[in-house]
Amino acid sequence: MVQVKLSGSFKQAAGRAEVEVEAANIHQLLTRLGQDHPKLKPMLDRGVAVAIDGQIYRDDQFRPIPAGSEVFLLPRLAGG
């Protein structure tokens, strides 16, 4: 199980600041978050970044999530 910390609009949509998800990689994490918390699904579909132990991943869907990692869900930022 992965403990995912949420803030801002993610926290409001899930109704809590932290959720637990069974996932081995980022793809599974995002898929199961959308299934377990349907209000998060539209936000996830717009794009998010996942921070694992302080490293931010944007497009690495199959990045493994090591046991005991600190995981944060972050809104995807567009640069310009």
C-alpha atoms as a PDB file:
ATOM      1  CA  MET A   1       0.000   0.000   0.000  1.00  0.00           C
ATOM      2  CA  VAL A   2       1.121   3.524  -0.822  1.00  0.00           C
ATOM      3  CA  GLN A   3       0.289   6.527   1.372  1.00  0.00           C
ATOM      4  CA  VAL A   4      -0.436   9.493  -0.905  1.00  0.00           C
ATOM      5  CA  LYS A   5      -0.484  13.011   0.522  1.00  0.00           C
ATOM      6  CA  LEU A   6      -2.974  15.428  -1.056  1.00  0.00           C
ATOM      7  CA  SER A   7      -3.341  19.176  -0.810  1.00  0.00           C
ATOM      8  CA  GLY A   8      -5.483  21.957  -2.231  1.00  0.00           C
ATOM      9  CA  SER A   9      -8.155  20.882  -4.684  1.00  0.00           C
ATOM     10  CA  PHE A  10      -7.015  17.241  -4.518  1.00  0.00           C
ATOM     11  CA  LYS A  11      -7.606  17.226  -0.778  1.00  0.00           C
ATOM     12  CA  GLN A  12     -11.048  18.790  -1.219  1.00  0.00           C
ATOM     13  CA  ALA A  13     -12.060  16.283  -3.922  1.00  0.00           C
ATOM     14  CA  ALA A  14     -10.937  13.272  -1.877  1.00  0.00           C
ATOM     15  CA  GLY A  15     -12.304  14.673   1.383  1.00  0.00           C
ATOM     16  CA  ARG A  16      -9.024  14.060   3.221  1.00  0.00           C
ATOM     17  CA  ALA A  17      -5.352  14.972   3.211  1.00  0.00           C
ATOM     18  CA  GLU A  18      -4.003  11.449   2.797  1.00  0.00           C
ATOM     19  CA  VAL A  19      -5.248   8.323   1.048  1.00  0.00           C
ATOM     20  CA  GLU A  20      -3.954   4.779   0.867  1.00  0.00           C
ATOM     21  CA  VAL A  21      -3.726   3.048  -2.511  1.00  0.00           C
ATOM     22  CA  GLU A  22      -2.502  -0.380  -3.607  1.00  0.00           C
ATOM     23  CA  ALA A  23      -0.065   0.413  -6.436  1.00  0.00           C
ATOM     24  CA  ALA A  24       3.339  -0.725  -7.658  1.00  0.00           C
ATOM     25  CA  ASN A  25       3.914   2.147 -10.116  1.00  0.00           C
ATOM     26  CA  ILE A  26       2.612   5.613 -11.014  1.00  0.00           C
ATOM     27  CA  HIS A  27       0.161   4.307 -13.640  1.00  0.00           C
ATOM     28  CA  GLN A  28      -1.501   1.976 -11.123  1.00  0.00           C
ATOM     29  CA  LEU A  29      -1.518   4.747  -8.542  1.00  0.00           C
ATOM     30  CA  LEU A  30      -3.363   7.218 -10.784  1.00  0.00           C
ATOM     31  CA  THR A  31      -5.771   4.575 -12.128  1.00  0.00           C
ATOM     32  CA  ARG A  32      -6.738   3.383  -8.650  1.00  0.00           C
ATOM     33  CA  LEU A  33      -7.010   6.903  -7.262  1.00  0.00           C
ATOM     34  CA  GLY A  34      -9.542   7.673 -10.005  1.00  0.00           C
ATOM     35  CA  GLN A  35     -11.473   4.485  -9.257  1.00  0.00           C
ATOM     36  CA  ASP A  36     -11.457   4.876  -5.474  1.00  0.00           C
ATOM     37  CA  HIS A  37     -12.119   8.635  -5.498  1.00  0.00           C
ATOM     38  CA  PRO A  38     -14.309   9.514  -8.513  1.00  0.00           C
ATOM     39  CA  LYS A  39     -14.169  13.261  -7.760  1.00  0.00           C
ATOM     40  CA  LEU A  40     -10.409  13.118  -8.399  1.00  0.00           C
ATOM     41  CA  LYS A  41     -10.822  11.514 -11.848  1.00  0.00           C
ATOM     42  CA  PRO A  42     -11.386  14.760 -13.833  1.00  0.00           C
ATOM     43  CA  MET A  43      -8.333  16.324 -12.172  1.00  0.00           C
ATOM     44  CA  LEU A  44      -6.214  13.279 -12.911  1.00  0.00           C
ATOM     45  CA  ASP A  45      -7.380  13.301 -16.531  1.00  0.00           C
ATOM     46  CA  ARG A  46      -6.195  16.930 -16.929  1.00  0.00           C
ATOM     47  CA  GLY A  47      -2.727  15.846 -15.864  1.00  0.00           C
ATOM     48  CA  VAL A  48      -0.820  15.656 -12.615  1.00  0.00           C
ATOM     49  CA  ALA A  49       2.696  15.146 -11.411  1.00  0.00           C
ATOM     50  CA  VAL A  50       3.686  12.665  -8.734  1.00  0.00           C
ATOM     51  CA  ALA A  51       6.503  13.327  -6.292  1.00  0.00           C
ATOM     52  CA  ILE A  52       8.189  10.235  -4.897  1.00  0.00           C
ATOM     53  CA  ASP A  53      10.705  10.916  -2.138  1.00  0.00           C
ATOM     54  CA  GLY A  54      11.169  14.483  -3.364  1.00  0.00           C
ATOM     55  CA  GLN A  55      11.668  13.633  -7.062  1.00  0.00           C
ATOM     56  CA  ILE A  56       8.885  14.879  -9.372  1.00  0.00           C
ATOM     57  CA  TYR A  57       7.696  12.603 -12.197  1.00  0.00           C
ATOM     58  CA  ARG A  58       5.417  13.888 -14.945  1.00  0.00           C
ATOM     59  CA  ASP A  59       5.441  11.374 -17.784  1.00  0.00           C
ATOM     60  CA  ASP A  60       7.062   8.285 -16.274  1.00  0.00           C
ATOM     61  CA  GLN A  61       3.889   6.213 -15.853  1.00  0.00           C
ATOM     62  CA  PHE A  62       5.674   2.957 -15.096  1.00  0.00           C
ATOM     63  CA  ARG A  63       8.113   4.370 -12.532  1.00  0.00           C
ATOM     64  CA  PRO A  64       8.066   1.935  -9.590  1.00  0.00           C
ATOM     65  CA  ILE A  65       7.006   3.262  -6.205  1.00  0.00           C
ATOM     66  CA  PRO A  66       9.321   1.756  -3.583  1.00  0.00           C
ATOM     67  CA  ALA A  67       7.761   0.571  -0.327  1.00  0.00           C
ATOM     68  CA  GLY A  68       7.760   3.231   2.362  1.00  0.00           C
ATOM     69  CA  SER A  69       8.160   6.109  -0.107  1.00  0.00           C
ATOM     70  CA  GLU A  70       6.827   9.580   0.580  1.00  0.00           C
ATOM     71  CA  VAL A  71       4.330  10.253  -2.236  1.00  0.00           C
ATOM     72  CA  PHE A  72       2.631  13.564  -3.071  1.00  0.00           C
ATOM     73  CA  LEU A  73       0.099  14.266  -5.817  1.00  0.00           C
ATOM     74  CA  LEU A  74       0.774  17.644  -7.447  1.00  0.00           C
ATOM     75  CA  PRO A  75      -1.119  19.682 -10.033  1.00  0.00           C
ATOM     76  CA  ARG A  76       0.690  19.674 -13.345  1.00  0.00           C
ATOM     77  CA  LEU A  77       2.251  23.035 -14.074  1.00  0.00           C
ATOM     78  CA  ALA A  78       2.566  24.403 -17.569  1.00  0.00           C
ATOM     79  CA  GLY A  79       5.549  26.552 -18.380  1.00  0.00           C
ATOM     80  CA  GLY A  80       5.736  29.238 -20.944  1.00  0.00           C
END
